[in-house]
């Protein structure tokens, strides 16, 4: 959702707010699921590698 600040078009945050304002709970739930999936993917791709590097540097991971 940080990319939404840099782009000109509406993003997930805007869509979520719009759906909430018009009581479109089907869209609200769908957008929340999409945000969760994106978060899980970013966690697996970016933060797990970063965590391994930090653990290796501090000697907490033996490989």
PDB file of N, CA and C in Angstrom:
ATOM      1  N   UNK A   1       0.814  -1.188   0.000  1.00  0.00           N
ATOM      2  CA  UNK A   1       0.000   0.000   0.000  1.00  0.00           C
ATOM      3  C   UNK A   1       0.857   1.250   0.000  1.00  0.00           C
ATOM      4  N   UNK A   2       2.139   1.102   0.273  1.00  0.00           N
ATOM      5  CA  UNK A   2       3.015   2.267   0.205  1.00  0.00           C
ATOM      6  C   UNK A   2       3.137   2.755  -1.232  1.00  0.00           C
ATOM      7  N   UNK A   3       3.038   1.858  -2.187  1.00  0.00           N
ATOM      8  CA  UNK A   3       3.085   2.243  -3.588  1.00  0.00           C
ATOM      9  C   UNK A   3       1.909   3.114  -3.986  1.00  0.00           C
ATOM     10  N   UNK A   4       0.840   3.014  -3.251  1.00  0.00           N
ATOM     11  CA  UNK A   4      -0.342   3.833  -3.519  1.00  0.00           C
ATOM     12  C   UNK A   4      -0.033   5.315  -3.331  1.00  0.00           C
ATOM     13  N   UNK A   5       0.895   5.611  -2.441  1.00  0.00           N
ATOM     14  CA  UNK A   5       1.279   7.000  -2.214  1.00  0.00           C
ATOM     15  C   UNK A   5       2.045   7.571  -3.401  1.00  0.00           C
ATOM     16  N   UNK A   6       2.732   6.715  -4.141  1.00  0.00           N
ATOM     17  CA  UNK A   6       3.557   7.161  -5.258  1.00  0.00           C
ATOM     18  C   UNK A   6       2.819   7.151  -6.589  1.00  0.00           C
ATOM     19  N   UNK A   7       1.734   6.420  -6.668  1.00  0.00           N
ATOM     20  CA  UNK A   7       1.021   6.314  -7.945  1.00  0.00           C
ATOM     21  C   UNK A   7      -0.107   7.332  -8.037  1.00  0.00           C
ATOM     22  N   UNK A   8      -0.594   7.513  -9.240  1.00  0.00           N
ATOM     23  CA  UNK A   8      -1.690   8.452  -9.462  1.00  0.00           C
ATOM     24  C   UNK A   8      -3.052   7.798  -9.314  1.00  0.00           C
ATOM     25  N   UNK A   9      -3.129   6.508  -9.566  1.00  0.00           N
ATOM     26  CA  UNK A   9      -4.410   5.811  -9.529  1.00  0.00           C
ATOM     27  C   UNK A   9      -4.751   5.302  -8.142  1.00  0.00           C
ATOM     28  N   UNK A  10      -5.996   4.916  -7.973  1.00  0.00           N
ATOM     29  CA  UNK A  10      -6.405   4.372  -6.674  1.00  0.00           C
ATOM     30  C   UNK A  10      -5.795   2.992  -6.443  1.00  0.00           C
ATOM     31  N   UNK A  11      -5.517   2.693  -5.199  1.00  0.00           N
ATOM     32  CA  UNK A  11      -4.940   1.407  -4.854  1.00  0.00           C
ATOM     33  C   UNK A  11      -5.854   0.631  -3.932  1.00  0.00           C
ATOM     34  N   UNK A  12      -5.278  -0.332  -3.244  1.00  0.00           N
ATOM     35  CA  UNK A  12      -6.074  -1.170  -2.358  1.00  0.00           C
ATOM     36  C   UNK A  12      -6.645  -0.391  -1.182  1.00  0.00           C
ATOM     37  N   UNK A  13      -5.885   0.544  -0.656  1.00  0.00           N
ATOM     38  CA  UNK A  13      -6.371   1.340   0.473  1.00  0.00           C
ATOM     39  C   UNK A  13      -7.570   2.182   0.096  1.00  0.00           C
ATOM     40  N   UNK A  14      -7.508   2.794  -1.066  1.00  0.00           N
ATOM     41  CA  UNK A  14      -8.635   3.600  -1.549  1.00  0.00           C
ATOM     42  C   UNK A  14      -9.848   2.712  -1.805  1.00  0.00           C
ATOM     43  N   UNK A  15      -9.607   1.571  -2.444  1.00  0.00           N
ATOM     44  CA  UNK A  15     -10.705   0.651  -2.735  1.00  0.00           C
ATOM     45  C   UNK A  15     -11.341   0.126  -1.460  1.00  0.00           C
ATOM     46  N   UNK A  16     -10.515  -0.135  -0.461  1.00  0.00           N
ATOM     47  CA  UNK A  16     -11.027  -0.609   0.822  1.00  0.00           C
ATOM     48  C   UNK A  16     -11.892   0.454   1.483  1.00  0.00           C
ATOM     49  N   UNK A  17     -11.426   1.666   1.476  1.00  0.00           N
ATOM     50  CA  UNK A  17     -12.194   2.765   2.067  1.00  0.00           C
ATOM     51  C   UNK A  17     -13.508   2.997   1.317  1.00  0.00           C
ATOM     52  N   UNK A  18     -13.458   2.945  -0.014  1.00  0.00           N
ATOM     53  CA  UNK A  18     -14.648   3.128  -0.838  1.00  0.00           C
ATOM     54  C   UNK A  18     -15.674   2.031  -0.546  1.00  0.00           C
ATOM     55  N   UNK A  19     -15.210   0.783  -0.494  1.00  0.00           N
ATOM     56  CA  UNK A  19     -16.109  -0.340  -0.214  1.00  0.00           C
ATOM     57  C   UNK A  19     -16.697  -0.231   1.187  1.00  0.00           C
ATOM     58  N   UNK A  20     -15.900   0.236   2.131  1.00  0.00           N
ATOM     59  CA  UNK A  20     -16.385   0.409   3.504  1.00  0.00           C
ATOM     60  C   UNK A  20     -17.459   1.495   3.560  1.00  0.00           C
ATOM     61  N   UNK A  21     -17.237   2.589   2.854  1.00  0.00           N
ATOM     62  CA  UNK A  21     -18.210   3.689   2.859  1.00  0.00           C
ATOM     63  C   UNK A  21     -19.560   3.278   2.288  1.00  0.00           C
ATOM     64  N   UNK A  22     -19.542   2.388   1.302  1.00  0.00           N
ATOM     65  CA  UNK A  22     -20.784   1.970   0.659  1.00  0.00           C
ATOM     66  C   UNK A  22     -21.261   0.599   1.128  1.00  0.00           C
ATOM     67  N   UNK A  23     -20.747   0.137   2.254  1.00  0.00           N
ATOM     68  CA  UNK A  23     -21.174  -1.110   2.901  1.00  0.00           C
ATOM     69  C   UNK A  23     -21.104  -2.310   1.956  1.00  0.00           C
ATOM     70  N   UNK A  24     -20.035  -2.377   1.173  1.00  0.00           N
ATOM     71  CA  UNK A  24     -19.817  -3.519   0.283  1.00  0.00           C
ATOM     72  C   UNK A  24     -18.903  -4.507   0.992  1.00  0.00           C
ATOM     73  N   UNK A  25     -19.476  -5.269   1.912  1.00  0.00           N
ATOM     74  CA  UNK A  25     -18.687  -6.166   2.744  1.00  0.00           C
ATOM     75  C   UNK A  25     -18.009  -7.260   1.930  1.00  0.00           C
ATOM     76  N   UNK A  26     -18.593  -7.663   0.811  1.00  0.00           N
ATOM     77  CA  UNK A  26     -17.935  -8.652  -0.033  1.00  0.00           C
ATOM     78  C   UNK A  26     -16.608  -8.117  -0.567  1.00  0.00           C
ATOM     79  N   UNK A  27     -16.602  -6.846  -0.961  1.00  0.00           N
ATOM     80  CA  UNK A  27     -15.363  -6.234  -1.438  1.00  0.00           C
ATOM     81  C   UNK A  27     -14.383  -5.999  -0.295  1.00  0.00           C
ATOM     82  N   UNK A  28     -14.883  -5.593   0.862  1.00  0.00           N
ATOM     83  CA  UNK A  28     -14.012  -5.359   2.020  1.00  0.00           C
ATOM     84  C   UNK A  28     -13.275  -6.641   2.380  1.00  0.00           C
ATOM     85  N   UNK A  29     -13.995  -7.743   2.469  1.00  0.00           N
ATOM     86  CA  UNK A  29     -13.371  -9.016   2.829  1.00  0.00           C
ATOM     87  C   UNK A  29     -12.382  -9.452   1.749  1.00  0.00           C
ATOM     88  N   UNK A  30     -12.753  -9.287   0.488  1.00  0.00           N
ATOM     89  CA  UNK A  30     -11.849  -9.654  -0.605  1.00  0.00           C
ATOM     90  C   UNK A  30     -10.563  -8.853  -0.591  1.00  0.00           C
ATOM     91  N   UNK A  31     -10.670  -7.547  -0.363  1.00  0.00           N
ATOM     92  CA  UNK A  31      -9.483  -6.689  -0.327  1.00  0.00           C
ATOM     93  C   UNK A  31      -8.606  -7.028   0.872  1.00  0.00           C
ATOM     94  N   UNK A  32      -9.218  -7.319   2.013  1.00  0.00           N
ATOM     95  CA  UNK A  32      -8.440  -7.703   3.192  1.00  0.00           C
ATOM     96  C   UNK A  32      -7.684  -9.001   2.928  1.00  0.00           C
ATOM     97  N   UNK A  33      -8.317  -9.947   2.247  1.00  0.00           N
ATOM     98  CA  UNK A  33      -7.636 -11.202   1.903  1.00  0.00           C
ATOM     99  C   UNK A  33      -6.467 -10.929   0.955  1.00  0.00           C
ATOM    100  N   UNK A  34      -6.673 -10.077  -0.038  1.00  0.00           N
ATOM    101  CA  UNK A  34      -5.598  -9.731  -0.979  1.00  0.00           C
ATOM    102  C   UNK A  34      -4.426  -9.084  -0.248  1.00  0.00           C
ATOM    103  N   UNK A  35      -4.712  -8.157   0.665  1.00  0.00           N
ATOM    104  CA  UNK A  35      -3.652  -7.501   1.433  1.00  0.00           C
ATOM    105  C   UNK A  35      -2.902  -8.524   2.282  1.00  0.00           C
ATOM    106  N   UNK A  36      -3.616  -9.469   2.873  1.00  0.00           N
ATOM    107  CA  UNK A  36      -2.970 -10.521   3.666  1.00  0.00           C
ATOM    108  C   UNK A  36      -2.068 -11.407   2.834  1.00  0.00           C
ATOM    109  N   UNK A  37      -2.522 -11.774   1.640  1.00  0.00           N
ATOM    110  CA  UNK A  37      -1.714 -12.614   0.752  1.00  0.00           C
ATOM    111  C   UNK A  37      -0.456 -11.868   0.314  1.00  0.00           C
ATOM    112  N   UNK A  38      -0.608 -10.602  -0.047  1.00  0.00           N
ATOM    113  CA  UNK A  38       0.561  -9.797  -0.427  1.00  0.00           C
ATOM    114  C   UNK A  38       1.540  -9.706   0.741  1.00  0.00           C
ATOM    115  N   UNK A  39       1.033  -9.505   1.944  1.00  0.00           N
ATOM    116  CA  UNK A  39       1.890  -9.442   3.128  1.00  0.00           C
ATOM    117  C   UNK A  39       2.632 -10.742   3.369  1.00  0.00           C
ATOM    118  N   UNK A  40       1.951 -11.873   3.205  1.00  0.00           N
ATOM    119  CA  UNK A  40       2.595 -13.174   3.404  1.00  0.00           C
ATOM    120  C   UNK A  40       3.681 -13.416   2.361  1.00  0.00           C
ATOM    121  N   UNK A  41       3.418 -13.031   1.123  1.00  0.00           N
ATOM    122  CA  UNK A  41       4.415 -13.205   0.059  1.00  0.00           C
ATOM    123  C   UNK A  41       5.639 -12.334   0.318  1.00  0.00           C
ATOM    124  N   UNK A  42       5.421 -11.088   0.681  1.00  0.00           N
ATOM    125  CA  UNK A  42       6.546 -10.188   0.981  1.00  0.00           C
ATOM    126  C   UNK A  42       7.340 -10.717   2.166  1.00  0.00           C
ATOM    127  N   UNK A  43       6.648 -11.247   3.164  1.00  0.00           N
ATOM    128  CA  UNK A  43       7.335 -11.802   4.330  1.00  0.00           C
ATOM    129  C   UNK A  43       8.228 -12.971   3.929  1.00  0.00           C
ATOM    130  N   UNK A  44       7.717 -13.860   3.091  1.00  0.00           N
ATOM    131  CA  UNK A  44       8.498 -15.020   2.679  1.00  0.00           C
ATOM    132  C   UNK A  44       9.666 -14.648   1.776  1.00  0.00           C
ATOM    133  N   UNK A  45       9.462 -13.717   0.883  1.00  0.00           N
ATOM    134  CA  UNK A  45      10.503 -13.380  -0.092  1.00  0.00           C
ATOM    135  C   UNK A  45      11.558 -12.453   0.505  1.00  0.00           C
ATOM    136  N   UNK A  46      11.135 -11.400   1.156  1.00  0.00           N
ATOM    137  CA  UNK A  46      12.061 -10.357   1.602  1.00  0.00           C
ATOM    138  C   UNK A  46      12.557 -10.612   3.015  1.00  0.00           C
ATOM    139  N   UNK A  47      11.642 -10.700   3.946  1.00  0.00           N
ATOM    140  CA  UNK A  47      12.040 -10.691   5.346  1.00  0.00           C
ATOM    141  C   UNK A  47      12.660 -11.998   5.820  1.00  0.00           C
ATOM    142  N   UNK A  48      12.298 -13.133   5.227  1.00  0.00           N
ATOM    143  CA  UNK A  48      12.932 -14.381   5.645  1.00  0.00           C
ATOM    144  C   UNK A  48      14.408 -14.397   5.244  1.00  0.00           C
ATOM    145  N   UNK A  49      14.726 -13.870   4.064  1.00  0.00           N
ATOM    146  CA  UNK A  49      16.130 -13.791   3.639  1.00  0.00           C
ATOM    147  C   UNK A  49      16.906 -12.801   4.501  1.00  0.00           C
ATOM    148  N   UNK A  50      16.292 -11.684   4.797  1.00  0.00           N
ATOM    149  CA  UNK A  50      16.925 -10.685   5.649  1.00  0.00           C
ATOM    150  C   UNK A  50      17.180 -11.247   7.046  1.00  0.00           C
ATOM    151  N   UNK A  51      16.211 -11.984   7.565  1.00  0.00           N
ATOM    152  CA  UNK A  51      16.362 -12.586   8.889  1.00  0.00           C
ATOM    153  C   UNK A  51      17.508 -13.595   8.908  1.00  0.00           C
ATOM    154  N   UNK A  52      17.617 -14.411   7.865  1.00  0.00           N
ATOM    155  CA  UNK A  52      18.717 -15.378   7.792  1.00  0.00           C
ATOM    156  C   UNK A  52      20.067 -14.681   7.775  1.00  0.00           C
ATOM    157  N   UNK A  53      20.181 -13.605   6.996  1.00  0.00           N
ATOM    158  CA  UNK A  53      21.444 -12.873   6.927  1.00  0.00           C
ATOM    159  C   UNK A  53      21.818 -12.278   8.275  1.00  0.00           C
ATOM    160  N   UNK A  54      20.857 -11.722   8.977  1.00  0.00           N
ATOM    161  CA  UNK A  54      21.126 -11.145  10.298  1.00  0.00           C
ATOM    162  C   UNK A  54      21.522 -12.240  11.281  1.00  0.00           C
ATOM    163  N   UNK A  55      20.830 -13.373  11.235  1.00  0.00           N
ATOM    164  CA  UNK A  55      21.156 -14.465  12.154  1.00  0.00           C
ATOM    165  C   UNK A  55      22.547 -15.027  11.878  1.00  0.00           C
ATOM    166  N   UNK A  56      22.934 -15.127  10.602  1.00  0.00           N
ATOM    167  CA  UNK A  56      24.285 -15.588  10.265  1.00  0.00           C
ATOM    168  C   UNK A  56      25.330 -14.611  10.783  1.00  0.00           C
ATOM    169  N   UNK A  57      25.071 -13.324  10.589  1.00  0.00           N
ATOM    170  CA  UNK A  57      26.026 -12.299  11.009  1.00  0.00           C
ATOM    171  C   UNK A  57      26.252 -12.337  12.519  1.00  0.00           C
ATOM    172  N   UNK A  58      25.209 -12.589  13.278  1.00  0.00           N
ATOM    173  CA  UNK A  58      25.316 -12.603  14.734  1.00  0.00           C
ATOM    174  C   UNK A  58      25.662 -13.984  15.283  1.00  0.00           C
ATOM    175  N   UNK A  59      25.885 -14.951  14.406  1.00  0.00           N
ATOM    176  CA  UNK A  59      26.294 -16.276  14.836  1.00  0.00           C
ATOM    177  C   UNK A  59      25.180 -17.095  15.451  1.00  0.00           C
ATOM    178  N   UNK A  60      23.957 -16.801  15.123  1.00  0.00           N
ATOM    179  CA  UNK A  60      22.822 -17.528  15.684  1.00  0.00           C
ATOM    180  C   UNK A  60      22.352 -18.653  14.778  1.00  0.00           C
ATOM    181  N   UNK A  61      22.899 -18.718  13.572  1.00  0.00           N
ATOM    182  CA  UNK A  61      22.492 -19.726  12.607  1.00  0.00           C
ATOM    183  C   UNK A  61      23.734 -20.455  12.136  1.00  0.00           C
ATOM    184  N   UNK A  62      23.718 -21.744  12.288  1.00  0.00           N
ATOM    185  CA  UNK A  62      24.865 -22.542  11.873  1.00  0.00           C
ATOM    186  C   UNK A  62      24.535 -23.219  10.553  1.00  0.00           C
ATOM    187  N   UNK A  63      25.325 -22.902   9.520  1.00  0.00           N
ATOM    188  CA  UNK A  63      25.108 -23.526   8.209  1.00  0.00           C
ATOM    189  C   UNK A  63      26.384 -24.118   7.681  1.00  0.00           C
TER     190      UNK A  63
END
